[in-house]
Amino acid sequence: FVQSDDVSQEEKAVFIRDTAIKYLDDIFHSDGRTEVLVE
């Protein structure tokens, strides 16, 4: 997706932001479990 010339910088940033939020949410709701944090 981010390598596509058909996608605007803003569309790429939105997708990356949403992905980062998903991963941050996983981290913040991991209850400190090491395997979830590492992944």
Full PDB file with SEQRES, HELIX, SHEET, SSBOND, CRYST1, ORIGX, SCALE, CONECT and MASTER records, all heavy atoms in Angstrom:
SEQRES   1 A   39  PHE VAL GLN SER ASP ASP VAL SER GLN GLU GLU LYS ALA          
SEQRES   2 A   39  VAL PHE ILE ARG ASP THR ALA ILE LYS TYR LEU ASP ASP          
SEQRES   3 A   39  ILE PHE HIS SER ASP GLY ARG THR GLU VAL LEU VAL GLU          
HELIX    1 AA1 GLN A    9  PHE A   28  1                                  20    
HELIX    2 AA2 THR A   34  VAL A   38  1                                   5    
CRYST1    1.000    1.000    1.000  90.00  90.00  90.00 P 1           1          
ORIGX1      1.000000  0.000000  0.000000        0.00000                         
ORIGX2      0.000000  1.000000  0.000000        0.00000                         
ORIGX3      0.000000  0.000000  1.000000        0.00000                         
SCALE1      1.000000  0.000000  0.000000        0.00000                         
SCALE2      0.000000  1.000000  0.000000        0.00000                         
SCALE3      0.000000  0.000000  1.000000        0.00000                         
ATOM      1  N   PHE A   1       0.823  -1.205   0.000  1.00  0.00           N  
ATOM      2  CA  PHE A   1       0.000   0.000   0.000  1.00  0.00           C  
ATOM      3  C   PHE A   1       0.860   1.258   0.000  1.00  0.00           C  
ATOM      4  O   PHE A   1       0.634   2.178  -0.780  1.00  0.00           O  
ATOM      5  CB  PHE A   1      -0.927  -0.030   1.220  1.00  0.00           C  
ATOM      6  CG  PHE A   1      -1.871   1.121   1.304  1.00  0.00           C  
ATOM      7  CD1 PHE A   1      -3.026   1.151   0.540  1.00  0.00           C  
ATOM      8  CD2 PHE A   1      -1.631   2.179   2.171  1.00  0.00           C  
ATOM      9  CE1 PHE A   1      -3.916   2.211   0.623  1.00  0.00           C  
ATOM     10  CE2 PHE A   1      -2.507   3.246   2.266  1.00  0.00           C  
ATOM     11  CZ  PHE A   1      -3.651   3.258   1.488  1.00  0.00           C  
ATOM     12  N   VAL A   2       1.869   1.314   0.877  1.00  0.00           N  
ATOM     13  CA  VAL A   2       2.672   2.540   0.972  1.00  0.00           C  
ATOM     14  C   VAL A   2       3.634   2.693  -0.208  1.00  0.00           C  
ATOM     15  O   VAL A   2       4.139   3.789  -0.426  1.00  0.00           O  
ATOM     16  CB  VAL A   2       3.436   2.646   2.318  1.00  0.00           C  
ATOM     17  CG1 VAL A   2       2.467   2.664   3.483  1.00  0.00           C  
ATOM     18  CG2 VAL A   2       4.464   1.566   2.480  1.00  0.00           C  
ATOM     19  N   GLN A   3       3.866   1.633  -0.964  1.00  0.00           N  
ATOM     20  CA  GLN A   3       4.731   1.738  -2.139  1.00  0.00           C  
ATOM     21  C   GLN A   3       3.964   2.100  -3.409  1.00  0.00           C  
ATOM     22  O   GLN A   3       4.557   2.395  -4.431  1.00  0.00           O  
ATOM     23  CB  GLN A   3       5.485   0.418  -2.356  1.00  0.00           C  
ATOM     24  CG  GLN A   3       6.510   0.143  -1.280  1.00  0.00           C  
ATOM     25  CD  GLN A   3       7.100  -1.254  -1.371  1.00  0.00           C  
ATOM     26  OE1 GLN A   3       6.738  -2.051  -2.223  1.00  0.00           O  
ATOM     27  NE2 GLN A   3       8.026  -1.547  -0.469  1.00  0.00           N  
ATOM     28  N   SER A   4       2.638   2.114  -3.321  1.00  0.00           N  
ATOM     29  CA  SER A   4       1.813   2.395  -4.490  1.00  0.00           C  
ATOM     30  C   SER A   4       1.899   3.861  -4.889  1.00  0.00           C  
ATOM     31  O   SER A   4       1.774   4.756  -4.049  1.00  0.00           O  
ATOM     32  CB  SER A   4       0.355   2.024  -4.206  1.00  0.00           C  
ATOM     33  OG  SER A   4      -0.467   2.434  -5.276  1.00  0.00           O  
ATOM     34  N   ASP A   5       2.100   4.103  -6.175  1.00  0.00           N  
ATOM     35  CA  ASP A   5       2.117   5.473  -6.692  1.00  0.00           C  
ATOM     36  C   ASP A   5       0.700   6.034  -6.813  1.00  0.00           C  
ATOM     37  O   ASP A   5       0.525   7.238  -7.011  1.00  0.00           O  
ATOM     38  CB  ASP A   5       2.797   5.522  -8.062  1.00  0.00           C  
ATOM     39  CG  ASP A   5       4.278   5.191  -7.975  1.00  0.00           C  
ATOM     40  OD1 ASP A   5       4.879   5.420  -6.897  1.00  0.00           O  
ATOM     41  OD2 ASP A   5       4.834   4.690  -8.975  1.00  0.00           O  
ATOM     42  N   ASP A   6      -0.315   5.154  -6.720  1.00  0.00           N  
ATOM     43  CA  ASP A   6      -1.706   5.582  -6.861  1.00  0.00           C  
ATOM     44  C   ASP A   6      -2.309   6.073  -5.550  1.00  0.00           C  
ATOM     45  O   ASP A   6      -3.450   6.508  -5.512  1.00  0.00           O  
ATOM     46  CB  ASP A   6      -2.565   4.419  -7.389  1.00  0.00           C  
ATOM     47  CG  ASP A   6      -2.125   3.967  -8.774  1.00  0.00           C  
ATOM     48  OD1 ASP A   6      -1.658   4.817  -9.557  1.00  0.00           O  
ATOM     49  OD2 ASP A   6      -2.246   2.766  -9.067  1.00  0.00           O  
ATOM     50  N   VAL A   7      -1.549   5.989  -4.464  1.00  0.00           N  
ATOM     51  CA  VAL A   7      -2.045   6.353  -3.136  1.00  0.00           C  
ATOM     52  C   VAL A   7      -1.387   7.661  -2.722  1.00  0.00           C  
ATOM     53  O   VAL A   7      -0.172   7.808  -2.811  1.00  0.00           O  
ATOM     54  CB  VAL A   7      -1.724   5.239  -2.107  1.00  0.00           C  
ATOM     55  CG1 VAL A   7      -2.286   5.592  -0.746  1.00  0.00           C  
ATOM     56  CG2 VAL A   7      -2.260   3.897  -2.580  1.00  0.00           C  
ATOM     57  N   SER A   8      -2.197   8.615  -2.247  1.00  0.00           N  
ATOM     58  CA  SER A   8      -1.649   9.903  -1.817  1.00  0.00           C  
ATOM     59  C   SER A   8      -0.887   9.748  -0.498  1.00  0.00           C  
ATOM     60  O   SER A   8      -1.093   8.785   0.246  1.00  0.00           O  
ATOM     61  CB  SER A   8      -2.776  10.926  -1.633  1.00  0.00           C  
ATOM     62  OG  SER A   8      -3.530  10.616  -0.472  1.00  0.00           O  
ATOM     63  N   GLN A   9      -0.040  10.718  -0.203  1.00  0.00           N  
ATOM     64  CA  GLN A   9       0.716  10.705   1.050  1.00  0.00           C  
ATOM     65  C   GLN A   9      -0.250  10.704   2.236  1.00  0.00           C  
ATOM     66  O   GLN A   9      -0.022  10.018   3.226  1.00  0.00           O  
ATOM     67  CB  GLN A   9       1.659  11.904   1.122  1.00  0.00           C  
ATOM     68  CG  GLN A   9       2.545  11.890   2.352  1.00  0.00           C  
ATOM     69  CD  GLN A   9       3.422  13.122   2.450  1.00  0.00           C  
ATOM     70  OE1 GLN A   9       3.049  14.203   2.025  1.00  0.00           O  
ATOM     71  NE2 GLN A   9       4.601  12.952   3.032  1.00  0.00           N  
ATOM     72  N   GLU A  10      -1.326  11.452   2.123  1.00  0.00           N  
ATOM     73  CA  GLU A  10      -2.308  11.507   3.207  1.00  0.00           C  
ATOM     74  C   GLU A  10      -2.987  10.150   3.415  1.00  0.00           C  
ATOM     75  O   GLU A  10      -3.158   9.707   4.553  1.00  0.00           O  
ATOM     76  CB  GLU A  10      -3.353  12.578   2.911  1.00  0.00           C  
ATOM     77  CG  GLU A  10      -4.316  12.800   4.051  1.00  0.00           C  
ATOM     78  CD  GLU A  10      -5.297  13.929   3.777  1.00  0.00           C  
ATOM     79  OE1 GLU A  10      -5.029  14.782   2.915  1.00  0.00           O  
ATOM     80  OE2 GLU A  10      -6.339  13.949   4.439  1.00  0.00           O  
ATOM     81  N   GLU A  11      -3.367   9.468   2.322  1.00  0.00           N  
ATOM     82  CA  GLU A  11      -3.995   8.142   2.444  1.00  0.00           C  
ATOM     83  C   GLU A  11      -3.035   7.140   3.083  1.00  0.00           C  
ATOM     84  O   GLU A  11      -3.436   6.329   3.922  1.00  0.00           O  
ATOM     85  CB  GLU A  11      -4.442   7.627   1.074  1.00  0.00           C  
ATOM     86  CG  GLU A  11      -5.621   8.372   0.491  1.00  0.00           C  
ATOM     87  CD  GLU A  11      -5.868   8.022  -0.970  1.00  0.00           C  
ATOM     88  OE1 GLU A  11      -4.896   7.994  -1.753  1.00  0.00           O  
ATOM     89  OE2 GLU A  11      -7.032   7.769  -1.309  1.00  0.00           O  
ATOM     90  N   LYS A  12      -1.766   7.227   2.693  1.00  0.00           N  
ATOM     91  CA  LYS A  12      -0.762   6.345   3.291  1.00  0.00           C  
ATOM     92  C   LYS A  12      -0.622   6.632   4.775  1.00  0.00           C  
ATOM     93  O   LYS A  12      -0.582   5.715   5.602  1.00  0.00           O  
ATOM     94  CB  LYS A  12       0.586   6.519   2.587  1.00  0.00           C  
ATOM     95  CG  LYS A  12       0.605   6.014   1.158  1.00  0.00           C  
ATOM     96  CD  LYS A  12       1.916   6.337   0.465  1.00  0.00           C  
ATOM     97  CE  LYS A  12       1.872   5.937  -1.000  1.00  0.00           C  
ATOM     98  NZ  LYS A  12       3.128   6.225  -1.707  1.00  0.00           N  
ATOM     99  N   ALA A  13      -0.555   7.911   5.117  1.00  0.00           N  
ATOM    100  CA  ALA A  13      -0.389   8.292   6.522  1.00  0.00           C  
ATOM    101  C   ALA A  13      -1.590   7.866   7.356  1.00  0.00           C  
ATOM    102  O   ALA A  13      -1.432   7.423   8.495  1.00  0.00           O  
ATOM    103  CB  ALA A  13      -0.152   9.797   6.632  1.00  0.00           C  
ATOM    104  N   VAL A  14      -2.791   7.967   6.794  1.00  0.00           N  
ATOM    105  CA  VAL A  14      -3.998   7.532   7.513  1.00  0.00           C  
ATOM    106  C   VAL A  14      -3.931   6.038   7.804  1.00  0.00           C  
ATOM    107  O   VAL A  14      -4.202   5.593   8.919  1.00  0.00           O  
ATOM    108  CB  VAL A  14      -5.277   7.888   6.724  1.00  0.00           C  
ATOM    109  CG1 VAL A  14      -6.494   7.149   7.268  1.00  0.00           C  
ATOM    110  CG2 VAL A  14      -5.522   9.386   6.744  1.00  0.00           C  
ATOM    111  N   PHE A  15      -3.547   5.256   6.794  1.00  0.00           N  
ATOM    112  CA  PHE A  15      -3.474   3.804   7.003  1.00  0.00           C  
ATOM    113  C   PHE A  15      -2.401   3.462   8.037  1.00  0.00           C  
ATOM    114  O   PHE A  15      -2.622   2.631   8.918  1.00  0.00           O  
ATOM    115  CB  PHE A  15      -3.192   3.069   5.686  1.00  0.00           C  
ATOM    116  CG  PHE A  15      -3.204   1.579   5.845  1.00  0.00           C  
ATOM    117  CD1 PHE A  15      -4.397   0.891   5.936  1.00  0.00           C  
ATOM    118  CD2 PHE A  15      -2.019   0.864   5.938  1.00  0.00           C  
ATOM    119  CE1 PHE A  15      -4.418  -0.486   6.104  1.00  0.00           C  
ATOM    120  CE2 PHE A  15      -2.026  -0.505   6.104  1.00  0.00           C  
ATOM    121  CZ  PHE A  15      -3.231  -1.190   6.186  1.00  0.00           C  
ATOM    122  N   ILE A  16      -1.257   4.113   7.939  1.00  0.00           N  
ATOM    123  CA  ILE A  16      -0.176   3.855   8.900  1.00  0.00           C  
ATOM    124  C   ILE A  16      -0.611   4.285  10.298  1.00  0.00           C  
ATOM    125  O   ILE A  16      -0.369   3.579  11.279  1.00  0.00           O  
ATOM    126  CB  ILE A  16       1.122   4.561   8.465  1.00  0.00           C  
ATOM    127  CG1 ILE A  16       1.662   3.896   7.189  1.00  0.00           C  
ATOM    128  CG2 ILE A  16       2.171   4.507   9.561  1.00  0.00           C  
ATOM    129  CD1 ILE A  16       2.779   4.667   6.514  1.00  0.00           C  
ATOM    130  N   ARG A  17      -1.276   5.435  10.400  1.00  0.00           N  
ATOM    131  CA  ARG A  17      -1.771   5.889  11.704  1.00  0.00           C  
ATOM    132  C   ARG A  17      -2.728   4.864  12.300  1.00  0.00           C  
ATOM    133  O   ARG A  17      -2.605   4.478  13.463  1.00  0.00           O  
ATOM    134  CB  ARG A  17      -2.478   7.233  11.579  1.00  0.00           C  
ATOM    135  CG  ARG A  17      -3.039   7.725  12.923  1.00  0.00           C  
ATOM    136  CD  ARG A  17      -4.180   8.694  12.803  1.00  0.00           C  
ATOM    137  NE  ARG A  17      -5.302   8.094  12.115  1.00  0.00           N  
ATOM    138  CZ  ARG A  17      -6.248   8.789  11.512  1.00  0.00           C  
ATOM    139  NH1 ARG A  17      -6.194  10.107  11.486  1.00  0.00           N  
ATOM    140  NH2 ARG A  17      -7.246   8.199  10.915  1.00  0.00           N  
ATOM    141  N   ASP A  18      -3.678   4.395  11.508  1.00  0.00           N  
ATOM    142  CA  ASP A  18      -4.650   3.426  12.000  1.00  0.00           C  
ATOM    143  C   ASP A  18      -3.969   2.121  12.416  1.00  0.00           C  
ATOM    144  O   ASP A  18      -4.349   1.502  13.408  1.00  0.00           O  
ATOM    145  CB  ASP A  18      -5.717   3.155  10.942  1.00  0.00           C  
ATOM    146  CG  ASP A  18      -6.605   4.365  10.693  1.00  0.00           C  
ATOM    147  OD1 ASP A  18      -6.570   5.330  11.496  1.00  0.00           O  
ATOM    148  OD2 ASP A  18      -7.331   4.360   9.676  1.00  0.00           O  
ATOM    149  N   THR A  19      -2.956   1.723  11.659  1.00  0.00           N  
ATOM    150  CA  THR A  19      -2.206   0.513  12.006  1.00  0.00           C  
ATOM    151  C   THR A  19      -1.438   0.721  13.305  1.00  0.00           C  
ATOM    152  O   THR A  19      -1.449  -0.140  14.185  1.00  0.00           O  
ATOM    153  CB  THR A  19      -1.241   0.142  10.860  1.00  0.00           C  
ATOM    154  OG1 THR A  19      -2.019  -0.131   9.682  1.00  0.00           O  
ATOM    155  CG2 THR A  19      -0.413  -1.087  11.200  1.00  0.00           C  
ATOM    156  N   ALA A  20      -0.786   1.872  13.428  1.00  0.00           N  
ATOM    157  CA  ALA A  20      -0.032   2.161  14.647  1.00  0.00           C  
ATOM    158  C   ALA A  20      -0.961   2.208  15.859  1.00  0.00           C  
ATOM    159  O   ALA A  20      -0.623   1.699  16.932  1.00  0.00           O  
ATOM    160  CB  ALA A  20       0.725   3.479  14.503  1.00  0.00           C  
ATOM    161  N   ILE A  21      -2.139   2.788  15.691  1.00  0.00           N  
ATOM    162  CA  ILE A  21      -3.102   2.840  16.792  1.00  0.00           C  
ATOM    163  C   ILE A  21      -3.510   1.430  17.199  1.00  0.00           C  
ATOM    164  O   ILE A  21      -3.597   1.121  18.387  1.00  0.00           O  
ATOM    165  CB  ILE A  21      -4.337   3.688  16.407  1.00  0.00           C  
ATOM    166  CG1 ILE A  21      -3.958   5.168  16.395  1.00  0.00           C  
ATOM    167  CG2 ILE A  21      -5.510   3.432  17.351  1.00  0.00           C  
ATOM    168  CD1 ILE A  21      -5.033   6.081  15.854  1.00  0.00           C  
ATOM    169  N   LYS A  22      -3.718   0.552  16.226  1.00  0.00           N  
ATOM    170  CA  LYS A  22      -4.077  -0.828  16.544  1.00  0.00           C  
ATOM    171  C   LYS A  22      -2.967  -1.493  17.359  1.00  0.00           C  
ATOM    172  O   LYS A  22      -3.219  -2.139  18.371  1.00  0.00           O  
ATOM    173  CB  LYS A  22      -4.337  -1.615  15.265  1.00  0.00           C  
ATOM    174  CG  LYS A  22      -4.778  -3.045  15.534  1.00  0.00           C  
ATOM    175  CD  LYS A  22      -4.015  -4.000  14.645  1.00  0.00           C  
ATOM    176  CE  LYS A  22      -4.330  -5.424  14.919  1.00  0.00           C  
ATOM    177  NZ  LYS A  22      -3.835  -5.943  16.179  1.00  0.00           N  
ATOM    178  N   TYR A  23      -1.709  -1.313  16.939  1.00  0.00           N  
ATOM    179  CA  TYR A  23      -0.598  -1.938  17.653  1.00  0.00           C  
ATOM    180  C   TYR A  23      -0.391  -1.307  19.029  1.00  0.00           C  
ATOM    181  O   TYR A  23      -0.103  -2.008  19.993  1.00  0.00           O  
ATOM    182  CB  TYR A  23       0.684  -1.875  16.823  1.00  0.00           C  
ATOM    183  CG  TYR A  23       0.618  -2.712  15.557  1.00  0.00           C  
ATOM    184  CD1 TYR A  23       1.331  -2.354  14.427  1.00  0.00           C  
ATOM    185  CD2 TYR A  23      -0.147  -3.860  15.482  1.00  0.00           C  
ATOM    186  CE1 TYR A  23       1.273  -3.115  13.265  1.00  0.00           C  
ATOM    187  CE2 TYR A  23      -0.209  -4.611  14.327  1.00  0.00           C  
ATOM    188  CZ  TYR A  23       0.497  -4.239  13.217  1.00  0.00           C  
ATOM    189  OH  TYR A  23       0.446  -5.001  12.082  1.00  0.00           O  
ATOM    190  N   LEU A  24      -0.535   0.016  19.122  1.00  0.00           N  
ATOM    191  CA  LEU A  24      -0.423   0.669  20.429  1.00  0.00           C  
ATOM    192  C   LEU A  24      -1.535   0.197  21.368  1.00  0.00           C  
ATOM    193  O   LEU A  24      -1.306  -0.035  22.557  1.00  0.00           O  
ATOM    194  CB  LEU A  24      -0.464   2.191  20.281  1.00  0.00           C  
ATOM    195  CG  LEU A  24       0.783   2.849  19.700  1.00  0.00           C  
ATOM    196  CD1 LEU A  24       0.528   4.321  19.413  1.00  0.00           C  
ATOM    197  CD2 LEU A  24       1.973   2.672  20.621  1.00  0.00           C  
ATOM    198  N   ASP A  25      -2.728   0.034  20.819  1.00  0.00           N  
ATOM    199  CA  ASP A  25      -3.836  -0.475  21.613  1.00  0.00           C  
ATOM    200  C   ASP A  25      -3.515  -1.876  22.136  1.00  0.00           C  
ATOM    201  O   ASP A  25      -3.774  -2.187  23.302  1.00  0.00           O  
ATOM    202  CB  ASP A  25      -5.113  -0.490  20.772  1.00  0.00           C  
ATOM    203  CG  ASP A  25      -6.341  -0.820  21.592  1.00  0.00           C  
ATOM    204  OD1 ASP A  25      -6.570  -0.166  22.623  1.00  0.00           O  
ATOM    205  OD2 ASP A  25      -7.084  -1.747  21.194  1.00  0.00           O  
ATOM    206  N   ASP A  26      -2.934  -2.718  21.272  1.00  0.00           N  
ATOM    207  CA  ASP A  26      -2.523  -4.059  21.708  1.00  0.00           C  
ATOM    208  C   ASP A  26      -1.527  -3.961  22.861  1.00  0.00           C  
ATOM    209  O   ASP A  26      -1.620  -4.700  23.840  1.00  0.00           O  
ATOM    210  CB  ASP A  26      -1.878  -4.845  20.555  1.00  0.00           C  
ATOM    211  CG  ASP A  26      -2.862  -5.243  19.472  1.00  0.00           C  
ATOM    212  OD1 ASP A  26      -4.094  -5.120  19.691  1.00  0.00           O  
ATOM    213  OD2 ASP A  26      -2.408  -5.662  18.392  1.00  0.00           O  
ATOM    214  N   ILE A  27      -0.563  -3.054  22.738  1.00  0.00           N  
ATOM    215  CA  ILE A  27       0.453  -2.890  23.789  1.00  0.00           C  
ATOM    216  C   ILE A  27      -0.182  -2.415  25.084  1.00  0.00           C  
ATOM    217  O   ILE A  27       0.067  -2.966  26.155  1.00  0.00           O  
ATOM    218  CB  ILE A  27       1.567  -1.920  23.331  1.00  0.00           C  
ATOM    219  CG1 ILE A  27       2.417  -2.579  22.235  1.00  0.00           C  
ATOM    220  CG2 ILE A  27       2.446  -1.494  24.495  1.00  0.00           C  
ATOM    221  CD1 ILE A  27       3.377  -1.633  21.533  1.00  0.00           C  
ATOM    222  N   PHE A  28      -1.035  -1.383  24.999  1.00  0.00           N  
ATOM    223  CA  PHE A  28      -1.616  -0.810  26.204  1.00  0.00           C  
ATOM    224  C   PHE A  28      -2.642  -1.734  26.861  1.00  0.00           C  
ATOM    225  O   PHE A  28      -2.973  -1.565  28.025  1.00  0.00           O  
ATOM    226  CB  PHE A  28      -2.223   0.559  25.914  1.00  0.00           C  
ATOM    227  CG  PHE A  28      -1.208   1.666  25.949  1.00  0.00           C  
ATOM    228  CD1 PHE A  28      -0.353   1.887  24.876  1.00  0.00           C  
ATOM    229  CD2 PHE A  28      -1.083   2.477  27.058  1.00  0.00           C  
ATOM    230  CE1 PHE A  28       0.599   2.891  24.907  1.00  0.00           C  
ATOM    231  CE2 PHE A  28      -0.131   3.488  27.109  1.00  0.00           C  
ATOM    232  CZ  PHE A  28       0.710   3.694  26.035  1.00  0.00           C  
ATOM    233  N   HIS A  29      -3.147  -2.703  26.125  1.00  0.00           N  
ATOM    234  CA  HIS A  29      -4.099  -3.660  26.692  1.00  0.00           C  
ATOM    235  C   HIS A  29      -3.494  -5.049  26.833  1.00  0.00           C  
ATOM    236  O   HIS A  29      -4.212  -6.038  26.925  1.00  0.00           O  
ATOM    237  CB  HIS A  29      -5.373  -3.692  25.852  1.00  0.00           C  
ATOM    238  CG  HIS A  29      -6.138  -2.412  25.927  1.00  0.00           C  
ATOM    239  ND1 HIS A  29      -6.053  -1.445  24.965  1.00  0.00           N  
ATOM    240  CD2 HIS A  29      -6.967  -1.919  26.884  1.00  0.00           C  
ATOM    241  CE1 HIS A  29      -6.798  -0.419  25.302  1.00  0.00           C  
ATOM    242  NE2 HIS A  29      -7.355  -0.664  26.464  1.00  0.00           N  
ATOM    243  N   SER A  30      -2.181  -5.117  26.881  1.00  0.00           N  
ATOM    244  CA  SER A  30      -1.488  -6.415  26.972  1.00  0.00           C  
ATOM    245  C   SER A  30      -1.384  -6.925  28.396  1.00  0.00           C  
ATOM    246  O   SER A  30      -0.960  -8.049  28.610  1.00  0.00           O  
ATOM    247  CB  SER A  30      -0.076  -6.285  26.395  1.00  0.00           C  
ATOM    248  OG  SER A  30       0.720  -5.473  27.254  1.00  0.00           O  
ATOM    249  N   ASP A  31      -1.761  -6.096  29.367  1.00  0.00           N  
ATOM    250  CA  ASP A  31      -1.605  -6.448  30.783  1.00  0.00           C  
ATOM    251  C   ASP A  31      -0.165  -6.789  31.112  1.00  0.00           C  
ATOM    252  O   ASP A  31       0.111  -7.584  32.010  1.00  0.00           O  
ATOM    253  CB  ASP A  31      -2.521  -7.616  31.178  1.00  0.00           C  
ATOM    254  CG  ASP A  31      -3.996  -7.270  31.013  1.00  0.00           C  
ATOM    255  OD1 ASP A  31      -4.353  -6.102  31.240  1.00  0.00           O  
ATOM    256  OD2 ASP A  31      -4.779  -8.173  30.662  1.00  0.00           O  
ATOM    257  N   GLY A  32       0.779  -6.201  30.355  1.00  0.00           N  
ATOM    258  CA  GLY A  32       2.200  -6.405  30.626  1.00  0.00           C  
ATOM    259  C   GLY A  32       2.724  -7.771  30.217  1.00  0.00           C  
ATOM    260  O   GLY A  32       3.859  -8.112  30.554  1.00  0.00           O  
ATOM    261  N   ARG A  33       1.940  -8.561  29.482  1.00  0.00           N  
ATOM    262  CA  ARG A  33       2.397  -9.888  29.054  1.00  0.00           C  
ATOM    263  C   ARG A  33       3.532  -9.741  28.047  1.00  0.00           C  
ATOM    264  O   ARG A  33       3.395  -9.102  27.017  1.00  0.00           O  
ATOM    265  CB  ARG A  33       1.249 -10.695  28.446  1.00  0.00           C  
ATOM    266  CG  ARG A  33       0.201 -11.089  29.484  1.00  0.00           C  
ATOM    267  CD  ARG A  33      -0.899 -11.843  28.833  1.00  0.00           C  
ATOM    268  NE  ARG A  33      -1.342 -11.047  27.687  1.00  0.00           N  
ATOM    269  CZ  ARG A  33      -2.535 -11.124  27.157  1.00  0.00           C  
ATOM    270  NH1 ARG A  33      -3.409 -11.959  27.593  1.00  0.00           N  
ATOM    271  NH2 ARG A  33      -2.860 -10.371  26.129  1.00  0.00           N  
ATOM    272  N   THR A  34       4.633 -10.340  28.364  1.00  0.00           N  
ATOM    273  CA  THR A  34       5.854 -10.188  27.581  1.00  0.00           C  
ATOM    274  C   THR A  34       5.673 -10.596  26.129  1.00  0.00           C  
ATOM    275  O   THR A  34       6.114  -9.885  25.217  1.00  0.00           O  
ATOM    276  CB  THR A  34       6.999 -11.007  28.216  1.00  0.00           C  
ATOM    277  OG1 THR A  34       7.148 -10.588  29.564  1.00  0.00           O  
ATOM    278  CG2 THR A  34       8.298 -10.819  27.476  1.00  0.00           C  
ATOM    279  N   GLU A  35       5.010 -11.729  25.869  1.00  0.00           N  
ATOM    280  CA  GLU A  35       4.875 -12.203  24.488  1.00  0.00           C  
ATOM    281  C   GLU A  35       4.071 -11.237  23.628  1.00  0.00           C  
ATOM    282  O   GLU A  35       4.382 -11.027  22.457  1.00  0.00           O  
ATOM    283  CB  GLU A  35       4.282 -13.615  24.432  1.00  0.00           C  
ATOM    284  CG  GLU A  35       2.836 -13.755  24.867  1.00  0.00           C  
ATOM    285  CD  GLU A  35       2.620 -13.862  26.373  1.00  0.00           C  
ATOM    286  OE1 GLU A  35       3.587 -13.805  27.150  1.00  0.00           O  
ATOM    287  OE2 GLU A  35       1.452 -13.994  26.791  1.00  0.00           O  
ATOM    288  N   VAL A  36       3.049 -10.609  24.205  1.00  0.00           N  
ATOM    289  CA  VAL A  36       2.262  -9.628  23.455  1.00  0.00           C  
ATOM    290  C   VAL A  36       3.095  -8.378  23.208  1.00  0.00           C  
ATOM    291  O   VAL A  36       3.091  -7.823  22.106  1.00  0.00           O  
ATOM    292  CB  VAL A  36       0.955  -9.276  24.209  1.00  0.00           C  
ATOM    293  CG1 VAL A  36       0.199  -8.161  23.500  1.00  0.00           C  
ATOM    294  CG2 VAL A  36       0.080 -10.509  24.357  1.00  0.00           C  
ATOM    295  N   LEU A  37       3.834  -7.935  24.225  1.00  0.00           N  
ATOM    296  CA  LEU A  37       4.680  -6.749  24.072  1.00  0.00           C  
ATOM    297  C   LEU A  37       5.743  -6.956  23.001  1.00  0.00           C  
ATOM    298  O   LEU A  37       5.946  -6.088  22.148  1.00  0.00           O  
ATOM    299  CB  LEU A  37       5.344  -6.392  25.406  1.00  0.00           C  
ATOM    300  CG  LEU A  37       4.423  -5.815  26.480  1.00  0.00           C  
ATOM    301  CD1 LEU A  37       5.165  -5.675  27.799  1.00  0.00           C  
ATOM    302  CD2 LEU A  37       3.865  -4.480  26.042  1.00  0.00           C  
ATOM    303  N   VAL A  38       6.411  -8.110  23.027  1.00  0.00           N  
ATOM    304  CA  VAL A  38       7.474  -8.384  22.051  1.00  0.00           C  
ATOM    305  C   VAL A  38       6.902  -8.395  20.634  1.00  0.00           C  
ATOM    306  O   VAL A  38       7.452  -7.763  19.721  1.00  0.00           O  
ATOM    307  CB  VAL A  38       8.190  -9.716  22.382  1.00  0.00           C  
ATOM    308  CG1 VAL A  38       9.088 -10.149  21.240  1.00  0.00           C  
ATOM    309  CG2 VAL A  38       8.994  -9.579  23.666  1.00  0.00           C  
ATOM    310  N   GLU A  39       5.783  -9.084  20.437  1.00  0.00           N  
ATOM    311  CA  GLU A  39       5.173  -9.151  19.104  1.00  0.00           C  
ATOM    312  C   GLU A  39       4.710  -7.769  18.651  1.00  0.00           C  
ATOM    313  O   GLU A  39       4.969  -7.352  17.518  1.00  0.00           O  
ATOM    314  CB  GLU A  39       3.984 -10.115  19.111  1.00  0.00           C  
ATOM    315  CG  GLU A  39       3.314 -10.226  17.754  1.00  0.00           C  
ATOM    316  CD  GLU A  39       2.106 -11.161  17.758  1.00  0.00           C  
ATOM    317  OE1 GLU A  39       1.976 -11.975  18.693  1.00  0.00           O  
ATOM    318  OE2 GLU A  39       1.320 -11.073  16.813  1.00  0.00           O  
TER     319      GLU A  39                                                      
MASTER        0    0    0    2    0    0    0    6  318    1    0    3          
END                                                                             
